[in-house]
Amino acid sequence: MQKYVLLLIGLAFWAACEKEEKPSNPELCAEEYFYYSGGSKIFLKHSLNRVWIVFNQGEITGAVAKSILGKYAFIHTDNLSDDRYYKQIMADIHPTCDCAGFKNYLKELNKDNEIGAATPVFYTSENGPAAYWILLSEVLTAHNEANISEPEFISYAETLNLELVKSRYSSQHFKVHEVTTGFEALEIANQIYESGKAQYSHPNFIAQTVLF
């Protein structure tokens, strides 16, 4: 009987070590982010080799897109077609960098007058690389009428680097006034929700989900 007990203990220890030593996805930053949805936190990790880029000029040719992005040695442009028009694209970064390096790349891209915003591509699961969550530089809100009037709420939001795009039925659509880091929409949306001034506040995003 003692042998079986020792065997079970040994197997349990091996399983625990196996779980503990399982490496995280090397293509994702180890830092964890979140946004609020239905009062709960949805956790995210951003890619280290993908970035979402929105151009300032509206739709531009592939050749123009290449000329803008070709200034940056870390952006891969071979997959851009000269025959297509682009307003926004998911661009690849080569070689893959660490978290700090990725943030520096975003800051460099966001200094470019021809780029409206460069933002991270997030994932809600380390094991689901086909399902992404693209952060846009926009925030969607509904102010808490019990705590603040809509004009007061809009004024408050504008102090946080937001600019009103439109307001309808007590809900608001803002855009980030000045994009520097690319993470502004996520950080500001969380700040607004945590202030108690909004029923909901979350970044606008593009999501691709994969059903199994």
Protein backbone atom coordinates (compact mmCIF):
# COMPACT_ATOMS: atom_id res chain seq x y z
CA MET A 1 0.00 0.00 0.00
CA GLN A 2 2.81 2.35 0.83
CA LYS A 3 4.30 1.89 -2.64
CA TYR A 4 1.03 2.99 -4.28
CA VAL A 5 0.80 6.06 -2.08
CA LEU A 6 4.35 7.06 -2.97
CA LEU A 7 3.61 6.48 -6.65
CA LEU A 8 0.54 8.73 -6.53
CA ILE A 9 2.49 11.45 -4.72
CA GLY A 10 5.22 11.21 -7.34
CA LEU A 11 2.74 11.47 -10.21
CA ALA A 12 1.04 14.48 -8.58
CA PHE A 13 4.42 16.20 -8.15
CA TRP A 14 5.33 15.52 -11.79
CA ALA A 15 2.00 16.92 -13.02
CA ALA A 16 2.45 20.04 -10.91
CA CYS A 17 5.95 20.61 -12.29
CA GLU A 18 4.70 19.98 -15.81
CA LYS A 19 2.02 22.64 -15.37
CA GLU A 20 4.37 25.12 -13.73
CA GLU A 21 7.06 24.78 -16.39
CA LYS A 22 4.68 25.11 -19.34
CA PRO A 23 6.06 28.05 -21.35
CA SER A 24 3.87 31.00 -22.28
CA ASN A 25 3.31 31.93 -25.91
CA PRO A 26 6.58 33.64 -26.98
CA GLU A 27 4.71 35.74 -29.56
CA LEU A 28 2.66 37.49 -26.85
CA CYS A 29 3.79 40.02 -24.27
CA ALA A 30 3.70 38.52 -20.79
CA GLU A 31 2.04 41.67 -19.41
CA GLU A 32 -1.71 41.32 -18.96
CA TYR A 33 -4.23 44.04 -19.80
CA PHE A 34 -8.01 44.18 -19.40
CA TYR A 35 -11.16 46.07 -20.26
CA TYR A 36 -14.56 46.13 -18.59
CA SER A 37 -17.53 44.33 -20.11
CA GLY A 38 -20.75 43.86 -18.16
CA GLY A 39 -18.95 44.86 -14.98
CA SER A 40 -16.36 42.09 -15.40
CA LYS A 41 -12.74 42.30 -16.50
CA ILE A 42 -11.84 40.71 -19.83
CA PHE A 43 -8.12 39.96 -19.84
CA LEU A 44 -5.88 40.41 -22.85
CA LYS A 45 -2.28 40.01 -23.98
CA HIS A 46 -0.89 41.83 -26.98
CA SER A 47 1.07 40.44 -29.88
CA LEU A 48 4.77 41.15 -30.16
CA ASN A 49 4.82 40.83 -33.95
CA ARG A 50 1.60 42.50 -35.14
CA VAL A 51 0.40 46.10 -35.13
CA TRP A 52 -2.77 47.78 -36.43
CA ILE A 53 -2.09 50.88 -38.50
CA VAL A 54 -4.66 53.48 -39.59
CA PHE A 55 -3.51 55.96 -42.22
CA ASN A 56 -4.37 59.65 -42.05
CA GLN A 57 -5.06 60.13 -45.75
CA GLY A 58 -8.08 57.90 -46.08
CA GLU A 59 -7.73 55.20 -48.73
CA ILE A 60 -4.26 55.05 -50.26
CA THR A 61 -2.64 52.77 -52.80
CA GLY A 62 -0.41 49.91 -51.79
CA ALA A 63 2.54 51.78 -53.27
CA VAL A 64 1.88 54.79 -51.02
CA ALA A 65 1.38 52.53 -48.00
CA LYS A 66 4.73 50.90 -48.73
CA SER A 67 6.42 54.29 -49.04
CA ILE A 68 5.06 55.31 -45.62
CA LEU A 69 5.88 52.07 -43.84
CA GLY A 70 9.12 51.47 -45.74
CA LYS A 71 10.76 54.11 -43.55
CA TYR A 72 10.64 51.64 -40.68
CA ALA A 73 13.02 48.69 -40.90
CA PHE A 74 10.95 46.73 -38.38
CA ILE A 75 7.76 46.74 -40.53
CA HIS A 76 7.32 43.96 -43.08
CA THR A 77 5.65 45.33 -46.26
CA ASP A 78 6.05 42.45 -48.74
CA ASN A 79 2.44 41.37 -48.23
CA LEU A 80 1.05 44.75 -49.38
CA SER A 81 -0.32 44.68 -52.93
CA ASP A 82 0.32 47.69 -55.18
CA ASP A 83 -3.05 47.08 -56.86
CA ARG A 84 -5.11 47.47 -53.69
CA TYR A 85 -6.22 50.48 -51.66
CA TYR A 86 -5.66 50.65 -47.93
CA LYS A 87 -7.01 52.81 -45.11
CA GLN A 88 -5.95 50.49 -42.31
CA ILE A 89 -3.89 47.33 -42.20
CA MET A 90 -2.52 44.72 -39.85
CA ALA A 91 1.24 44.93 -40.30
CA ASP A 92 3.88 42.42 -39.27
CA ILE A 93 6.92 43.30 -37.19
CA HIS A 94 10.22 41.54 -37.91
CA PRO A 95 12.09 40.43 -35.97
CA THR A 96 9.84 39.86 -32.96
CA CYS A 97 10.86 42.10 -30.07
CA ASP A 98 10.18 42.15 -26.33
CA CYS A 99 7.37 44.12 -24.62
CA ALA A 100 9.42 47.29 -24.15
CA GLY A 101 10.70 47.17 -27.73
CA PHE A 102 7.18 46.76 -29.10
CA LYS A 103 5.95 49.79 -27.15
CA ASN A 104 8.85 51.83 -28.51
CA TYR A 105 7.89 50.79 -32.06
CA LEU A 106 4.32 51.98 -31.45
CA LYS A 107 5.54 55.34 -30.15
CA GLU A 108 7.78 55.75 -33.20
CA LEU A 109 4.93 54.98 -35.61
CA ASN A 110 2.54 57.32 -33.80
CA LYS A 111 4.94 60.24 -34.33
CA ASP A 112 4.44 59.88 -38.09
CA ASN A 113 2.13 62.57 -39.50
CA GLU A 114 0.94 60.16 -42.21
CA ILE A 115 -0.25 57.62 -39.64
CA GLY A 116 -3.43 58.35 -37.72
CA ALA A 117 -2.87 55.65 -35.12
CA ALA A 118 -0.73 52.58 -34.51
CA THR A 119 -2.28 50.30 -31.90
CA PRO A 120 -1.65 46.81 -30.50
CA VAL A 121 -3.33 43.61 -31.60
CA PHE A 122 -4.55 41.71 -28.56
CA TYR A 123 -5.57 38.11 -27.92
CA THR A 124 -7.94 36.85 -25.24
CA SER A 125 -6.31 33.41 -25.26
CA GLU A 126 -2.69 32.36 -25.62
CA ASN A 127 -3.83 29.22 -27.43
CA GLY A 128 -6.04 30.95 -29.98
CA PRO A 129 -3.77 32.89 -32.36
CA ALA A 130 -6.43 32.96 -35.07
CA ALA A 131 -8.86 34.93 -32.86
CA TYR A 132 -7.62 38.47 -32.38
CA TRP A 133 -8.89 41.67 -30.71
CA ILE A 134 -7.71 44.89 -32.37
CA LEU A 135 -7.64 47.99 -30.18
CA LEU A 136 -8.96 51.09 -31.98
CA SER A 137 -8.27 54.61 -30.77
CA GLU A 138 -11.93 55.11 -29.91
CA VAL A 139 -13.99 54.81 -26.71
CA LEU A 140 -17.70 53.93 -26.44
CA THR A 141 -19.59 55.03 -23.34
CA ALA A 142 -23.00 55.54 -21.77
CA HIS A 143 -22.91 58.09 -18.99
CA ASN A 144 -24.47 57.36 -15.60
CA GLU A 145 -27.43 59.76 -15.56
CA ALA A 146 -27.82 59.36 -11.78
CA ASN A 147 -24.34 60.81 -11.19
CA ILE A 148 -23.66 63.23 -14.02
CA SER A 149 -25.42 65.02 -16.87
CA GLU A 150 -24.39 64.28 -20.43
CA PRO A 151 -22.83 67.73 -21.08
CA GLU A 152 -20.82 67.40 -17.85
CA PHE A 153 -19.80 63.88 -18.80
CA ILE A 154 -18.63 64.95 -22.25
CA SER A 155 -16.61 67.78 -20.73
CA TYR A 156 -15.08 65.32 -18.28
CA ALA A 157 -14.17 62.89 -21.08
CA GLU A 158 -12.56 65.67 -23.09
CA THR A 159 -10.19 66.38 -20.20
CA LEU A 160 -8.95 62.79 -20.60
CA ASN A 161 -7.68 63.27 -24.18
CA LEU A 162 -10.96 62.28 -25.87
CA GLU A 163 -12.89 64.09 -28.60
CA LEU A 164 -16.62 63.52 -29.14
CA VAL A 165 -17.52 61.97 -32.50
CA LYS A 166 -21.26 61.63 -31.88
CA SER A 167 -23.81 61.26 -29.10
CA ARG A 168 -27.12 59.42 -29.38
CA TYR A 169 -29.65 58.08 -26.88
CA SER A 170 -27.42 58.78 -23.85
CA SER A 171 -24.48 56.91 -25.41
CA GLN A 172 -21.31 58.53 -26.68
CA HIS A 173 -18.69 57.72 -29.29
CA PHE A 174 -15.31 59.34 -28.65
CA LYS A 175 -11.97 59.18 -30.43
CA VAL A 176 -8.58 59.68 -28.84
CA HIS A 177 -7.52 63.26 -29.55
CA GLU A 178 -3.77 62.59 -29.55
CA VAL A 179 -2.37 59.08 -29.95
CA THR A 180 1.12 58.66 -28.53
CA THR A 181 1.48 55.17 -27.08
CA GLY A 182 -1.36 53.37 -28.89
CA PHE A 183 -2.78 52.12 -25.59
CA GLU A 184 -4.73 55.32 -24.76
CA ALA A 185 -8.23 54.06 -25.60
CA LEU A 186 -7.89 51.06 -23.29
CA GLU A 187 -6.47 53.07 -20.40
CA ILE A 188 -8.95 55.95 -20.70
CA ALA A 189 -11.97 53.64 -21.04
CA ASN A 190 -10.99 51.86 -17.83
CA GLN A 191 -10.42 55.16 -16.04
CA ILE A 192 -13.90 56.38 -17.00
CA TYR A 193 -15.60 53.16 -15.90
CA GLU A 194 -13.76 53.13 -12.58
CA SER A 195 -14.81 56.75 -11.94
CA GLY A 196 -18.45 55.67 -11.62
CA LYS A 197 -19.50 58.29 -14.19
CA ALA A 198 -20.48 55.73 -16.84
CA GLN A 199 -22.82 52.76 -17.04
CA TYR A 200 -20.34 51.25 -19.46
CA SER A 201 -17.07 52.38 -20.95
CA HIS A 202 -14.91 50.28 -23.22
CA PRO A 203 -12.61 50.74 -26.20
CA ASN A 204 -14.00 50.28 -29.67
CA PHE A 205 -12.36 47.29 -31.31
CA ILE A 206 -12.35 44.86 -34.20
CA ALA A 207 -12.57 41.24 -33.14
CA GLN A 208 -12.21 38.03 -35.07
CA THR A 209 -13.50 34.96 -33.30
CA VAL A 210 -12.96 31.38 -34.37
CA LEU A 211 -15.62 28.78 -33.64
CA PHE A 212 -14.50 25.21 -32.98
